[in-house]
Amino acid sequence: MKKKEDLPDCPVATTVSLIGSKWKLLILRNLLARPWRFNELQKDLEGISQKVLTDSLRSLEADGIITRTVFPEVPPRVEYALSDLGEQMRPILTAMENFGNDYKTLAEQQ
C-alpha cells in the first residue's frame, strides 16, 4: 500500500492514481463478478499483453485492492479476487457502468 506522503492531496486524484488505467479498470470489472485466474483474464481482456497484465495485477495487489491466492496444487493454481478494500470500488465501477449504458442510449437516439 502506498504511503500517505506518496499520494496526491486530492482524493479524486488518489483514486485515479490507483485505478486510472484502462486495463486496471477492466481487470476490476471482471473481478466484481468472481475470482479469476491469470489466463482467464488474459483471454477475456483482448489486446492486453502478458507484461501489462502482470504489472497491473502486481500494482493492484501492492495497493491492497486485490488479493492473490496460490493454491498448493500441481501445477500451481493462482486466483485473483477483490480484497475488502477493492470491494469499496464496487459503487464506483457500477456508476461508471450506469453512465456508459446511459450514454449509449443517448447515442442511439442521435
PDB file of N, CA and C in Angstrom:
ATOM      1  N   MET A   1       0.846  -1.174   0.000  1.00  0.00           N
ATOM      2  CA  MET A   1       0.000   0.000   0.000  1.00  0.00           C
ATOM      3  C   MET A   1       0.893   1.240   0.000  1.00  0.00           C
ATOM      4  N   LYS A   2       0.481   2.245  -0.746  1.00  0.00           N
ATOM      5  CA  LYS A   2       1.254   3.476  -0.829  1.00  0.00           C
ATOM      6  C   LYS A   2       1.209   4.228   0.500  1.00  0.00           C
ATOM      7  N   LYS A   3       2.243   5.000   0.772  1.00  0.00           N
ATOM      8  CA  LYS A   3       2.270   5.842   1.961  1.00  0.00           C
ATOM      9  C   LYS A   3       1.530   7.133   1.664  1.00  0.00           C
ATOM     10  N   LYS A   4       0.963   7.734   2.705  1.00  0.00           N
ATOM     11  CA  LYS A   4       0.175   8.951   2.539  1.00  0.00           C
ATOM     12  C   LYS A   4       0.958  10.050   1.818  1.00  0.00           C
ATOM     13  N   GLU A   5       2.243  10.178   2.139  1.00  0.00           N
ATOM     14  CA  GLU A   5       3.037  11.244   1.520  1.00  0.00           C
ATOM     15  C   GLU A   5       3.297  10.993   0.035  1.00  0.00           C
ATOM     16  N   ASP A   6       3.065   9.765  -0.427  1.00  0.00           N
ATOM     17  CA  ASP A   6       3.253   9.440  -1.845  1.00  0.00           C
ATOM     18  C   ASP A   6       1.982   9.659  -2.665  1.00  0.00           C
ATOM     19  N   LEU A   7       0.900  10.022  -1.990  1.00  0.00           N
ATOM     20  CA  LEU A   7      -0.389  10.183  -2.673  1.00  0.00           C
ATOM     21  C   LEU A   7      -0.700  11.656  -2.909  1.00  0.00           C
ATOM     22  N   PRO A   8      -1.465  11.942  -3.965  1.00  0.00           N
ATOM     23  CA  PRO A   8      -1.874  13.333  -4.218  1.00  0.00           C
ATOM     24  C   PRO A   8      -2.768  13.850  -3.085  1.00  0.00           C
ATOM     25  N   ASP A   9      -2.819  15.161  -2.918  1.00  0.00           N
ATOM     26  CA  ASP A   9      -3.692  15.752  -1.898  1.00  0.00           C
ATOM     27  C   ASP A   9      -5.171  15.545  -2.240  1.00  0.00           C
ATOM     28  N   CYS A  10      -5.490  15.607  -3.513  1.00  0.00           N
ATOM     29  CA  CYS A  10      -6.876  15.487  -3.967  1.00  0.00           C
ATOM     30  C   CYS A  10      -7.333  14.026  -3.901  1.00  0.00           C
ATOM     31  N   PRO A  11      -8.462  13.728  -3.245  1.00  0.00           N
ATOM     32  CA  PRO A  11      -8.931  12.345  -3.156  1.00  0.00           C
ATOM     33  C   PRO A  11      -9.311  11.745  -4.511  1.00  0.00           C
ATOM     34  N   VAL A  12      -9.792  12.562  -5.427  1.00  0.00           N
ATOM     35  CA  VAL A  12     -10.119  12.053  -6.763  1.00  0.00           C
ATOM     36  C   VAL A  12      -8.832  11.652  -7.481  1.00  0.00           C
ATOM     37  N   ALA A  13      -7.810  12.474  -7.365  1.00  0.00           N
ATOM     38  CA  ALA A  13      -6.522  12.157  -7.980  1.00  0.00           C
ATOM     39  C   ALA A  13      -5.916  10.895  -7.353  1.00  0.00           C
ATOM     40  N   THR A  14      -6.141  10.692  -6.068  1.00  0.00           N
ATOM     41  CA  THR A  14      -5.668   9.473  -5.407  1.00  0.00           C
ATOM     42  C   THR A  14      -6.325   8.254  -6.031  1.00  0.00           C
ATOM     43  N   THR A  15      -7.640   8.303  -6.198  1.00  0.00           N
ATOM     44  CA  THR A  15      -8.366   7.182  -6.796  1.00  0.00           C
ATOM     45  C   THR A  15      -7.888   6.932  -8.218  1.00  0.00           C
ATOM     46  N   VAL A  16      -7.725   7.991  -8.989  1.00  0.00           N
ATOM     47  CA  VAL A  16      -7.254   7.853 -10.371  1.00  0.00           C
ATOM     48  C   VAL A  16      -5.855   7.248 -10.395  1.00  0.00           C
ATOM     49  N   SER A  17      -5.017   7.625  -9.450  1.00  0.00           N
ATOM     50  CA  SER A  17      -3.660   7.067  -9.437  1.00  0.00           C
ATOM     51  C   SER A  17      -3.676   5.570  -9.147  1.00  0.00           C
ATOM     52  N   LEU A  18      -4.685   5.088  -8.447  1.00  0.00           N
ATOM     53  CA  LEU A  18      -4.779   3.667  -8.111  1.00  0.00           C
ATOM     54  C   LEU A  18      -5.426   2.831  -9.207  1.00  0.00           C
ATOM     55  N   ILE A  19      -6.459   3.379  -9.857  1.00  0.00           N
ATOM     56  CA  ILE A  19      -7.222   2.557 -10.816  1.00  0.00           C
ATOM     57  C   ILE A  19      -7.399   3.245 -12.166  1.00  0.00           C
ATOM     58  N   GLY A  20      -6.648   4.285 -12.434  1.00  0.00           N
ATOM     59  CA  GLY A  20      -6.892   5.125 -13.595  1.00  0.00           C
ATOM     60  C   GLY A  20      -6.518   4.576 -14.954  1.00  0.00           C
ATOM     61  N   SER A  21      -5.878   3.431 -15.016  1.00  0.00           N
ATOM     62  CA  SER A  21      -5.536   2.922 -16.344  1.00  0.00           C
ATOM     63  C   SER A  21      -6.678   2.087 -16.916  1.00  0.00           C
ATOM     64  N   LYS A  22      -6.731   2.046 -18.220  1.00  0.00           N
ATOM     65  CA  LYS A  22      -7.758   1.263 -18.921  1.00  0.00           C
ATOM     66  C   LYS A  22      -7.763  -0.177 -18.431  1.00  0.00           C
ATOM     67  N   TRP A  23      -6.596  -0.773 -18.352  1.00  0.00           N
ATOM     68  CA  TRP A  23      -6.539  -2.191 -18.032  1.00  0.00           C
ATOM     69  C   TRP A  23      -6.911  -2.468 -16.592  1.00  0.00           C
ATOM     70  N   LYS A  24      -6.491  -1.606 -15.670  1.00  0.00           N
ATOM     71  CA  LYS A  24      -6.853  -1.827 -14.269  1.00  0.00           C
ATOM     72  C   LYS A  24      -8.364  -1.775 -14.088  1.00  0.00           C
ATOM     73  N   LEU A  25      -9.004  -0.829 -14.745  1.00  0.00           N
ATOM     74  CA  LEU A  25     -10.469  -0.738 -14.646  1.00  0.00           C
ATOM     75  C   LEU A  25     -11.144  -1.991 -15.185  1.00  0.00           C
ATOM     76  N   LEU A  26     -10.650  -2.507 -16.305  1.00  0.00           N
ATOM     77  CA  LEU A  26     -11.257  -3.701 -16.878  1.00  0.00           C
ATOM     78  C   LEU A  26     -10.965  -4.951 -16.037  1.00  0.00           C
ATOM     79  N   ILE A  27      -9.795  -5.010 -15.430  1.00  0.00           N
ATOM     80  CA  ILE A  27      -9.496  -6.109 -14.514  1.00  0.00           C
ATOM     81  C   ILE A  27     -10.468  -6.065 -13.337  1.00  0.00           C
ATOM     82  N   LEU A  28     -10.651  -4.885 -12.759  1.00  0.00           N
ATOM     83  CA  LEU A  28     -11.568  -4.746 -11.625  1.00  0.00           C
ATOM     84  C   LEU A  28     -12.996  -5.080 -12.033  1.00  0.00           C
ATOM     85  N   ARG A  29     -13.382  -4.670 -13.233  1.00  0.00           N
ATOM     86  CA  ARG A  29     -14.722  -5.011 -13.734  1.00  0.00           C
ATOM     87  C   ARG A  29     -14.923  -6.520 -13.693  1.00  0.00           C
ATOM     88  N   ASN A  30     -13.942  -7.269 -14.166  1.00  0.00           N
ATOM     89  CA  ASN A  30     -14.053  -8.723 -14.164  1.00  0.00           C
ATOM     90  C   ASN A  30     -14.100  -9.282 -12.747  1.00  0.00           C
ATOM     91  N   LEU A  31     -13.262  -8.743 -11.876  1.00  0.00           N
ATOM     92  CA  LEU A  31     -13.184  -9.273 -10.517  1.00  0.00           C
ATOM     93  C   LEU A  31     -14.413  -8.940  -9.681  1.00  0.00           C
ATOM     94  N   LEU A  32     -15.245  -8.016 -10.147  1.00  0.00           N
ATOM     95  CA  LEU A  32     -16.510  -7.748  -9.452  1.00  0.00           C
ATOM     96  C   LEU A  32     -17.410  -8.982  -9.461  1.00  0.00           C
ATOM     97  N   ALA A  33     -17.302  -9.769 -10.516  1.00  0.00           N
ATOM     98  CA  ALA A  33     -18.190 -10.930 -10.675  1.00  0.00           C
ATOM     99  C   ALA A  33     -17.727 -12.141  -9.871  1.00  0.00           C
ATOM    100  N   ARG A  34     -16.398 -12.373  -9.875  1.00  0.00           N
ATOM    101  CA  ARG A  34     -15.869 -13.588  -9.240  1.00  0.00           C
ATOM    102  C   ARG A  34     -14.349 -13.534  -9.290  1.00  0.00           C
ATOM    103  N   PRO A  35     -13.681 -14.440  -8.561  1.00  0.00           N
ATOM    104  CA  PRO A  35     -12.225 -14.550  -8.714  1.00  0.00           C
ATOM    105  C   PRO A  35     -11.872 -15.081 -10.107  1.00  0.00           C
ATOM    106  N   TRP A  36     -10.746 -14.629 -10.629  1.00  0.00           N
ATOM    107  CA  TRP A  36     -10.288 -15.035 -11.961  1.00  0.00           C
ATOM    108  C   TRP A  36      -8.856 -15.536 -11.875  1.00  0.00           C
ATOM    109  N   ARG A  37      -8.523 -16.447 -12.769  1.00  0.00           N
ATOM    110  CA  ARG A  37      -7.146 -16.903 -12.937  1.00  0.00           C
ATOM    111  C   ARG A  37      -6.474 -16.033 -13.999  1.00  0.00           C
ATOM    112  N   PHE A  38      -5.149 -16.018 -13.986  1.00  0.00           N
ATOM    113  CA  PHE A  38      -4.380 -15.160 -14.889  1.00  0.00           C
ATOM    114  C   PHE A  38      -4.761 -15.408 -16.350  1.00  0.00           C
ATOM    115  N   ASN A  39      -4.737 -16.671 -16.775  1.00  0.00           N
ATOM    116  CA  ASN A  39      -5.020 -16.981 -18.182  1.00  0.00           C
ATOM    117  C   ASN A  39      -6.440 -16.611 -18.576  1.00  0.00           C
ATOM    118  N   GLU A  40      -7.380 -16.752 -17.647  1.00  0.00           N
ATOM    119  CA  GLU A  40      -8.761 -16.343 -17.936  1.00  0.00           C
ATOM    120  C   GLU A  40      -8.825 -14.843 -18.199  1.00  0.00           C
ATOM    121  N   LEU A  41      -8.149 -14.077 -17.346  1.00  0.00           N
ATOM    122  CA  LEU A  41      -8.135 -12.625 -17.531  1.00  0.00           C
ATOM    123  C   LEU A  41      -7.493 -12.257 -18.864  1.00  0.00           C
ATOM    124  N   GLN A  42      -6.373 -12.893 -19.181  1.00  0.00           N
ATOM    125  CA  GLN A  42      -5.666 -12.565 -20.417  1.00  0.00           C
ATOM    126  C   GLN A  42      -6.525 -12.874 -21.639  1.00  0.00           C
ATOM    127  N   LYS A  43      -7.263 -13.972 -21.605  1.00  0.00           N
ATOM    128  CA  LYS A  43      -8.129 -14.312 -22.739  1.00  0.00           C
ATOM    129  C   LYS A  43      -9.308 -13.360 -22.841  1.00  0.00           C
ATOM    130  N   ASP A  44      -9.857 -12.950 -21.701  1.00  0.00           N
ATOM    131  CA  ASP A  44     -11.039 -12.089 -21.705  1.00  0.00           C
ATOM    132  C   ASP A  44     -10.709 -10.648 -22.078  1.00  0.00           C
ATOM    133  N   LEU A  45      -9.528 -10.186 -21.700  1.00  0.00           N
ATOM    134  CA  LEU A  45      -9.133  -8.799 -21.957  1.00  0.00           C
ATOM    135  C   LEU A  45      -8.358  -8.738 -23.270  1.00  0.00           C
ATOM    136  N   GLU A  46      -9.087  -8.699 -24.360  1.00  0.00           N
ATOM    137  CA  GLU A  46      -8.463  -8.715 -25.683  1.00  0.00           C
ATOM    138  C   GLU A  46      -7.512  -7.537 -25.845  1.00  0.00           C
ATOM    139  N   GLY A  47      -6.294  -7.848 -26.279  1.00  0.00           N
ATOM    140  CA  GLY A  47      -5.315  -6.813 -26.557  1.00  0.00           C
ATOM    141  C   GLY A  47      -4.333  -6.560 -25.429  1.00  0.00           C
ATOM    142  N   ILE A  48      -4.574  -7.126 -24.256  1.00  0.00           N
ATOM    143  CA  ILE A  48      -3.638  -6.897 -23.152  1.00  0.00           C
ATOM    144  C   ILE A  48      -2.459  -7.857 -23.293  1.00  0.00           C
ATOM    145  N   SER A  49      -1.268  -7.324 -23.082  1.00  0.00           N
ATOM    146  CA  SER A  49      -0.085  -8.181 -23.146  1.00  0.00           C
ATOM    147  C   SER A  49       0.121  -8.855 -21.788  1.00  0.00           C
ATOM    148  N   GLN A  50       0.893  -9.919 -21.806  1.00  0.00           N
ATOM    149  CA  GLN A  50       1.190 -10.635 -20.565  1.00  0.00           C
ATOM    150  C   GLN A  50       1.903  -9.708 -19.580  1.00  0.00           C
ATOM    151  N   LYS A  51       2.813  -8.882 -20.075  1.00  0.00           N
ATOM    152  CA  LYS A  51       3.561  -7.966 -19.216  1.00  0.00           C
ATOM    153  C   LYS A  51       2.650  -6.931 -18.572  1.00  0.00           C
ATOM    154  N   VAL A  52       1.759  -6.341 -19.358  1.00  0.00           N
ATOM    155  CA  VAL A  52       0.862  -5.311 -18.825  1.00  0.00           C
ATOM    156  C   VAL A  52      -0.099  -5.934 -17.803  1.00  0.00           C
ATOM    157  N   LEU A  53      -0.604  -7.119 -18.091  1.00  0.00           N
ATOM    158  CA  LEU A  53      -1.492  -7.797 -17.145  1.00  0.00           C
ATOM    159  C   LEU A  53      -0.745  -8.100 -15.852  1.00  0.00           C
ATOM    160  N   THR A  54       0.463  -8.645 -15.966  1.00  0.00           N
ATOM    161  CA  THR A  54       1.270  -8.954 -14.785  1.00  0.00           C
ATOM    162  C   THR A  54       1.548  -7.696 -13.971  1.00  0.00           C
ATOM    163  N   ASP A  55       1.974  -6.628 -14.637  1.00  0.00           N
ATOM    164  CA  ASP A  55       2.283  -5.371 -13.947  1.00  0.00           C
ATOM    165  C   ASP A  55       1.037  -4.785 -13.278  1.00  0.00           C
ATOM    166  N   SER A  56      -0.100  -4.839 -13.969  1.00  0.00           N
ATOM    167  CA  SER A  56      -1.340  -4.289 -13.418  1.00  0.00           C
ATOM    168  C   SER A  56      -1.791  -5.082 -12.200  1.00  0.00           C
ATOM    169  N   LEU A  57      -1.731  -6.404 -12.289  1.00  0.00           N
ATOM    170  CA  LEU A  57      -2.125  -7.243 -11.156  1.00  0.00           C
ATOM    171  C   LEU A  57      -1.200  -7.014  -9.963  1.00  0.00           C
ATOM    172  N   ARG A  58       0.088  -6.925 -10.214  1.00  0.00           N
ATOM    173  CA  ARG A  58       1.049  -6.683  -9.122  1.00  0.00           C
ATOM    174  C   ARG A  58       0.789  -5.338  -8.456  1.00  0.00           C
ATOM    175  N   SER A  59       0.513  -4.330  -9.272  1.00  0.00           N
ATOM    176  CA  SER A  59       0.247  -2.991  -8.740  1.00  0.00           C
ATOM    177  C   SER A  59      -1.034  -2.982  -7.904  1.00  0.00           C
ATOM    178  N   LEU A  60      -2.094  -3.595  -8.426  1.00  0.00           N
ATOM    179  CA  LEU A  60      -3.351  -3.649  -7.679  1.00  0.00           C
ATOM    180  C   LEU A  60      -3.191  -4.431  -6.375  1.00  0.00           C
ATOM    181  N   GLU A  61      -2.393  -5.487  -6.411  1.00  0.00           N
ATOM    182  CA  GLU A  61      -2.137  -6.261  -5.199  1.00  0.00           C
ATOM    183  C   GLU A  61      -1.311  -5.440  -4.198  1.00  0.00           C
ATOM    184  N   ALA A  62      -0.277  -4.768  -4.681  1.00  0.00           N
ATOM    185  CA  ALA A  62       0.570  -3.956  -3.801  1.00  0.00           C
ATOM    186  C   ALA A  62      -0.225  -2.827  -3.149  1.00  0.00           C
ATOM    187  N   ASP A  63      -1.220  -2.301  -3.861  1.00  0.00           N
ATOM    188  CA  ASP A  63      -2.057  -1.222  -3.331  1.00  0.00           C
ATOM    189  C   ASP A  63      -3.182  -1.745  -2.449  1.00  0.00           C
ATOM    190  N   GLY A  64      -3.289  -3.070  -2.306  1.00  0.00           N
ATOM    191  CA  GLY A  64      -4.283  -3.656  -1.414  1.00  0.00           C
ATOM    192  C   GLY A  64      -5.676  -3.765  -1.999  1.00  0.00           C
ATOM    193  N   ILE A  65      -5.799  -3.584  -3.315  1.00  0.00           N
ATOM    194  CA  ILE A  65      -7.113  -3.590  -3.953  1.00  0.00           C
ATOM    195  C   ILE A  65      -7.546  -5.000  -4.339  1.00  0.00           C
ATOM    196  N   ILE A  66      -6.589  -5.857  -4.656  1.00  0.00           N
ATOM    197  CA  ILE A  66      -6.905  -7.251  -4.969  1.00  0.00           C
ATOM    198  C   ILE A  66      -6.045  -8.173  -4.115  1.00  0.00           C
ATOM    199  N   THR A  67      -6.485  -9.415  -4.044  1.00  0.00           N
ATOM    200  CA  THR A  67      -5.694 -10.442  -3.366  1.00  0.00           C
ATOM    201  C   THR A  67      -5.271 -11.481  -4.395  1.00  0.00           C
ATOM    202  N   ARG A  68      -4.147 -12.106  -4.110  1.00  0.00           N
ATOM    203  CA  ARG A  68      -3.604 -13.172  -4.960  1.00  0.00           C
ATOM    204  C   ARG A  68      -3.490 -14.401  -4.079  1.00  0.00           C
ATOM    205  N   THR A  69      -4.215 -15.462  -4.453  1.00  0.00           N
ATOM    206  CA  THR A  69      -4.200 -16.693  -3.677  1.00  0.00           C
ATOM    207  C   THR A  69      -3.559 -17.789  -4.506  1.00  0.00           C
ATOM    208  N   VAL A  70      -2.520 -18.394  -3.948  1.00  0.00           N
ATOM    209  CA  VAL A  70      -1.830 -19.503  -4.607  1.00  0.00           C
ATOM    210  C   VAL A  70      -2.295 -20.792  -3.934  1.00  0.00           C
ATOM    211  N   PHE A  71      -2.849 -21.703  -4.735  1.00  0.00           N
ATOM    212  CA  PHE A  71      -3.311 -22.983  -4.223  1.00  0.00           C
ATOM    213  C   PHE A  71      -2.199 -24.013  -4.389  1.00  0.00           C
ATOM    214  N   PRO A  72      -1.911 -24.773  -3.328  1.00  0.00           N
ATOM    215  CA  PRO A  72      -0.809 -25.746  -3.375  1.00  0.00           C
ATOM    216  C   PRO A  72      -1.182 -26.988  -4.173  1.00  0.00           C
ATOM    217  N   GLU A  73      -1.201 -26.837  -5.476  1.00  0.00           N
ATOM    218  CA  GLU A  73      -1.541 -27.923  -6.388  1.00  0.00           C
ATOM    219  C   GLU A  73      -0.424 -28.060  -7.409  1.00  0.00           C
ATOM    220  N   VAL A  74      -0.474 -29.130  -8.154  1.00  0.00           N
ATOM    221  CA  VAL A  74       0.473 -29.319  -9.253  1.00  0.00           C
ATOM    222  C   VAL A  74      -0.341 -29.461 -10.526  1.00  0.00           C
ATOM    223  N   PRO A  75      -0.225 -28.552 -11.478  1.00  0.00           N
ATOM    224  CA  PRO A  75       0.541 -27.305 -11.411  1.00  0.00           C
ATOM    225  C   PRO A  75      -0.128 -26.307 -10.464  1.00  0.00           C
ATOM    226  N   PRO A  76       0.631 -25.335  -9.953  1.00  0.00           N
ATOM    227  CA  PRO A  76       0.055 -24.360  -9.027  1.00  0.00           C
ATOM    228  C   PRO A  76      -1.083 -23.579  -9.685  1.00  0.00           C
ATOM    229  N   ARG A  77      -2.103 -23.296  -8.893  1.00  0.00           N
ATOM    230  CA  ARG A  77      -3.242 -22.506  -9.372  1.00  0.00           C
ATOM    231  C   ARG A  77      -3.245 -21.199  -8.593  1.00  0.00           C
ATOM    232  N   VAL A  78      -3.381 -20.092  -9.310  1.00  0.00           N
ATOM    233  CA  VAL A  78      -3.400 -18.771  -8.689  1.00  0.00           C
ATOM    234  C   VAL A  78      -4.699 -18.088  -9.074  1.00  0.00           C
ATOM    235  N   GLU A  79      -5.368 -17.515  -8.086  1.00  0.00           N
ATOM    236  CA  GLU A  79      -6.600 -16.768  -8.343  1.00  0.00           C
ATOM    237  C   GLU A  79      -6.461 -15.351  -7.805  1.00  0.00           C
ATOM    238  N   TYR A  80      -7.054 -14.432  -8.544  1.00  0.00           N
ATOM    239  CA  TYR A  80      -7.090 -13.031  -8.154  1.00  0.00           C
ATOM    240  C   TYR A  80      -8.529 -12.678  -7.817  1.00  0.00           C
ATOM    241  N   ALA A  81      -8.700 -11.930  -6.726  1.00  0.00           N
ATOM    242  CA  ALA A  81     -10.034 -11.527  -6.279  1.00  0.00           C
ATOM    243  C   ALA A  81      -9.946 -10.134  -5.669  1.00  0.00           C
ATOM    244  N   LEU A  82     -11.089  -9.482  -5.555  1.00  0.00           N
ATOM    245  CA  LEU A  82     -11.122  -8.191  -4.888  1.00  0.00           C
ATOM    246  C   LEU A  82     -10.869  -8.388  -3.397  1.00  0.00           C
ATOM    247  N   SER A  83     -10.090  -7.514  -2.820  1.00  0.00           N
ATOM    248  CA  SER A  83      -9.912  -7.508  -1.366  1.00  0.00           C
ATOM    249  C   SER A  83     -11.095  -6.748  -0.758  1.00  0.00           C
ATOM    250  N   ASP A  84     -11.135  -6.661   0.561  1.00  0.00           N
ATOM    251  CA  ASP A  84     -12.181  -5.851   1.204  1.00  0.00           C
ATOM    252  C   ASP A  84     -12.078  -4.400   0.744  1.00  0.00           C
ATOM    253  N   LEU A  85     -10.860  -3.904   0.626  1.00  0.00           N
ATOM    254  CA  LEU A  85     -10.665  -2.544   0.127  1.00  0.00           C
ATOM    255  C   LEU A  85     -11.141  -2.428  -1.317  1.00  0.00           C
ATOM    256  N   GLY A  86     -10.827  -3.430  -2.121  1.00  0.00           N
ATOM    257  CA  GLY A  86     -11.263  -3.438  -3.513  1.00  0.00           C
ATOM    258  C   GLY A  86     -12.774  -3.456  -3.648  1.00  0.00           C
ATOM    259  N   GLU A  87     -13.451  -4.128  -2.721  1.00  0.00           N
ATOM    260  CA  GLU A  87     -14.919  -4.158  -2.741  1.00  0.00           C
ATOM    261  C   GLU A  87     -15.505  -2.754  -2.619  1.00  0.00           C
ATOM    262  N   GLN A  88     -14.756  -1.849  -1.995  1.00  0.00           N
ATOM    263  CA  GLN A  88     -15.236  -0.470  -1.881  1.00  0.00           C
ATOM    264  C   GLN A  88     -15.269   0.229  -3.235  1.00  0.00           C
ATOM    265  N   MET A  89     -14.625  -0.357  -4.244  1.00  0.00           N
ATOM    266  CA  MET A  89     -14.641   0.187  -5.600  1.00  0.00           C
ATOM    267  C   MET A  89     -15.942  -0.166  -6.336  1.00  0.00           C
ATOM    268  N   ARG A  90     -16.682  -1.130  -5.815  1.00  0.00           N
ATOM    269  CA  ARG A  90     -17.899  -1.604  -6.493  1.00  0.00           C
ATOM    270  C   ARG A  90     -18.842  -0.458  -6.875  1.00  0.00           C
ATOM    271  N   PRO A  91     -19.191   0.461  -5.948  1.00  0.00           N
ATOM    272  CA  PRO A  91     -20.109   1.547  -6.354  1.00  0.00           C
ATOM    273  C   PRO A  91     -19.525   2.462  -7.431  1.00  0.00           C
ATOM    274  N   ILE A  92     -18.211   2.647  -7.407  1.00  0.00           N
ATOM    275  CA  ILE A  92     -17.568   3.489  -8.425  1.00  0.00           C
ATOM    276  C   ILE A  92     -17.718   2.838  -9.799  1.00  0.00           C
ATOM    277  N   LEU A  93     -17.417   1.549  -9.879  1.00  0.00           N
ATOM    278  CA  LEU A  93     -17.494   0.837 -11.154  1.00  0.00           C
ATOM    279  C   LEU A  93     -18.944   0.669 -11.613  1.00  0.00           C
ATOM    280  N   THR A  94     -19.856   0.490 -10.664  1.00  0.00           N
ATOM    281  CA  THR A  94     -21.279   0.410 -11.019  1.00  0.00           C
ATOM    282  C   THR A  94     -21.757   1.738 -11.587  1.00  0.00           C
ATOM    283  N   ALA A  95     -21.319   2.841 -10.986  1.00  0.00           N
ATOM    284  CA  ALA A  95     -21.687   4.163 -11.505  1.00  0.00           C
ATOM    285  C   ALA A  95     -21.128   4.372 -12.907  1.00  0.00           C
ATOM    286  N   MET A  96     -19.897   3.894 -13.149  1.00  0.00           N
ATOM    287  CA  MET A  96     -19.311   4.004 -14.486  1.00  0.00           C
ATOM    288  C   MET A  96     -20.107   3.169 -15.485  1.00  0.00           C
ATOM    289  N   GLU A  97     -20.524   1.975 -15.077  1.00  0.00           N
ATOM    290  CA  GLU A  97     -21.328   1.118 -15.952  1.00  0.00           C
ATOM    291  C   GLU A  97     -22.660   1.796 -16.287  1.00  0.00           C
ATOM    292  N   ASN A  98     -23.311   2.350 -15.274  1.00  0.00           N
ATOM    293  CA  ASN A  98     -24.590   3.029 -15.498  1.00  0.00           C
ATOM    294  C   ASN A  98     -24.434   4.218 -16.434  1.00  0.00           C
ATOM    295  N   PHE A  99     -23.379   5.007 -16.229  1.00  0.00           N
ATOM    296  CA  PHE A  99     -23.139   6.145 -17.104  1.00  0.00           C
ATOM    297  C   PHE A  99     -22.904   5.678 -18.537  1.00  0.00           C
ATOM    298  N   GLY A 100     -22.100   4.639 -18.706  1.00  0.00           N
ATOM    299  CA  GLY A 100     -21.824   4.109 -20.048  1.00  0.00           C
ATOM    300  C   GLY A 100     -23.095   3.644 -20.742  1.00  0.00           C
ATOM    301  N   ASN A 101     -23.956   2.942 -20.010  1.00  0.00           N
ATOM    302  CA  ASN A 101     -25.226   2.496 -20.595  1.00  0.00           C
ATOM    303  C   ASN A 101     -26.115   3.680 -20.957  1.00  0.00           C
ATOM    304  N   ASP A 102     -26.189   4.685 -20.079  1.00  0.00           N
ATOM    305  CA  ASP A 102     -26.994   5.878 -20.371  1.00  0.00           C
ATOM    306  C   ASP A 102     -26.452   6.608 -21.591  1.00  0.00           C
ATOM    307  N   TYR A 103     -25.149   6.706 -21.685  1.00  0.00           N
ATOM    308  CA  TYR A 103     -24.529   7.396 -22.819  1.00  0.00           C
ATOM    309  C   TYR A 103     -24.816   6.657 -24.120  1.00  0.00           C
ATOM    310  N   LYS A 104     -24.723   5.326 -24.081  1.00  0.00           N
ATOM    311  CA  LYS A 104     -25.037   4.541 -25.276  1.00  0.00           C
ATOM    312  C   LYS A 104     -26.484   4.738 -25.702  1.00  0.00           C
ATOM    313  N   THR A 105     -27.394   4.819 -24.733  1.00  0.00           N
ATOM    314  CA  THR A 105     -28.800   5.038 -25.047  1.00  0.00           C
ATOM    315  C   THR A 105     -28.989   6.392 -25.724  1.00  0.00           C
ATOM    316  N   LEU A 106     -28.323   7.414 -25.204  1.00  0.00           N
ATOM    317  CA  LEU A 106     -28.399   8.738 -25.821  1.00  0.00           C
ATOM    318  C   LEU A 106     -27.808   8.719 -27.236  1.00  0.00           C
ATOM    319  N   ALA A 107     -26.728   8.008 -27.424  1.00  0.00           N
ATOM    320  CA  ALA A 107     -26.084   7.935 -28.723  1.00  0.00           C
ATOM    321  C   ALA A 107     -26.997   7.253 -29.738  1.00  0.00           C
ATOM    322  N   GLU A 108     -27.766   6.266 -29.301  1.00  0.00           N
ATOM    323  CA  GLU A 108     -28.699   5.583 -30.207  1.00  0.00           C
ATOM    324  C   GLU A 108     -29.798   6.519 -30.685  1.00  0.00           C
ATOM    325  N   GLN A 109     -30.139   7.504 -29.862  1.00  0.00           N
ATOM    326  CA  GLN A 109     -31.212   8.431 -30.195  1.00  0.00           C
ATOM    327  C   GLN A 109     -30.766   9.526 -31.150  1.00  0.00           C
ATOM    328  N   GLN A 110     -29.490   9.619 -31.409  1.00  0.00           N
ATOM    329  CA  GLN A 110     -28.969  10.677 -32.289  1.00  0.00           C
ATOM    330  C   GLN A 110     -29.199  10.354 -33.746  1.00  0.00           C
TER     331      GLN A 110
END
